């Protein structure tokens, strides 16, 4: 018991030494307060840097000076609002691009050296350079500083651009708003497309190989500084046109570019191979058109598109803008690809027209003499104009030829155009020639040609006049042709009877026939309906009365002068727009 009592006494003493209950409550309260303070500290530790980051971002965006953040390769990673305003492009366009491309090309080497220096040094480096973008060029003091950020494995470089020659503009600077600028640019592109379409549809662009050079000149005047056209010919590329800036003394450079082999231009080869256009808004490779070409041009941007129609690639069209102009963009590329397609179609149409024209020339040589023969005692001259409205071989013809006991002539025109009309007029012309060896009367020759023409069942008819000349006597026959004019030495003008039924119109038709005696100095003038039937822009008819006035002024002049006077007066009457075929044949008794 004694031992048990002793142990119970010791336990009671230890219990008496324990803190009272209210002291435990106080300690518990202190612990709770400490935990609460720790929780607050944690929240402050988590939220404080986020607020600071937001503040720093806002400061960066609204700084009144341009600031650019780049990685160690010089690629733009961040820019502020003032930078986008200075360069004229949004952040989404500039971020991810190489910053050296925003430096004027002649100063890029200096920038790269200073950039490398900033990466090596703890100190900032400052130098003067020029930013060039969107047609804007600014001289700036550029400050480069290396940035080391805790926890980030890669360093950055901050560039601060302090403009020295530009007053930063505010919202009320009077400039076009972005929407207005986009609208005006779209309208400009639409007008350029319309101009080119009108140019390519012009008659002269079909008649002569001028479509390509006209298109290049238009593009050079409206949207580019340099225009280069390279065409595929004989299995290879050949430089076809080079348009240079008209405001700069670059004749020597233009000749050098013309002499360059297009095969030396990697960009041209790429476009030809891929059959798709390419745009370089900011040039990073000066060898795209061959060594030193773009450098000498001081090029800022370029685009290149194929000239093609369907599956055929006819060539490559390249446009270059200088550094002081806004660069080409995707909208320009789309427009030029469409223009390249239109130009390809126009060139194909031109080749087709040329083939048809060559065929027409070959057929026309069968109905028009290359030259008039010398006729004893007479002078002769003739003119023929195909007319600007002609899309096929014409139907008019004339001829002068020797025959037994004298010589003969014929003039006429089929009511139609094309190969069938040419074959009919050839039949009439050659038929009169052959029959002149057997017939003494041109009327009888025309009658037999009429029978032959009806036997062909062509449905075409021909107005013609034929004459057989023996000495001073002219036997003249008409099958629906205009009466001939006779210019006398005293200036008087009278007309023959003409008339008759056109060939191929009626079986058994008899031509109207008459006989003339030409005295020395008299001139017989035969002409087509295209001359006297012409109407002016005011609706007036040229007619035989005006022809009489012209002939009266040609007294004692040779036939060559007479036909020239008629041609010049006719051109003046129709404002140099000769629409229909015109044929005039003159014969003058010289002795």
Foldseek 3Di string as FASTA:
>chain_A
DVVVVVVVVVVVVVVVPDDDPVVVVVVVVVVVVVVVVVVVVVVCVVCVVVVVVVVVVVCQQPPCFWKFKFFLQQATADIHPNNCQQQVHDPVVRHRDRCLLQFQPVCSVVVVVQSVVQVVDQDKDWDWTWGFAQLDIFIWIKIWHWADDPPDPTIMIMITTHTDPDDRDDPPNPDDDPVRVVVVVVVLLVVLLVVLVVLLPDLVVQVDVCSVVVNLVSCCVRPFQWKWWWWDDPNATATDDIHHHPVDPCPVLSVVLNPDGQVQAQQFVVCVVVQAKDWFQGDPDCQNRHPCSCVVNQFGIKMKHFQAEDPDTTTMMIGTHHRSHHGDDPVNRVSVNVVSHVSNVSVVSSVVQVVQVVVLVVLVCLFEPPDADDFPQKFKDKDKDAASQDSHRFQWGKHWAAEVQGIKIKTKGKPDGHDLSSVLSSLLVVQLVVCSHPDPASQVSLLVSLVVLLVVVPPMWMWMKMWTDHPQKIKIWTAQFFWKWKQDQVLAIDTDDHDHHTRPPDRPTTTDIDMDGADAQMKIKGKHCLQQQDAAPVGDTCHPVVLSVQSSVQRSHGNVVSNVSSVVVSCVRRVNRSHHMIMMMMMGRHD
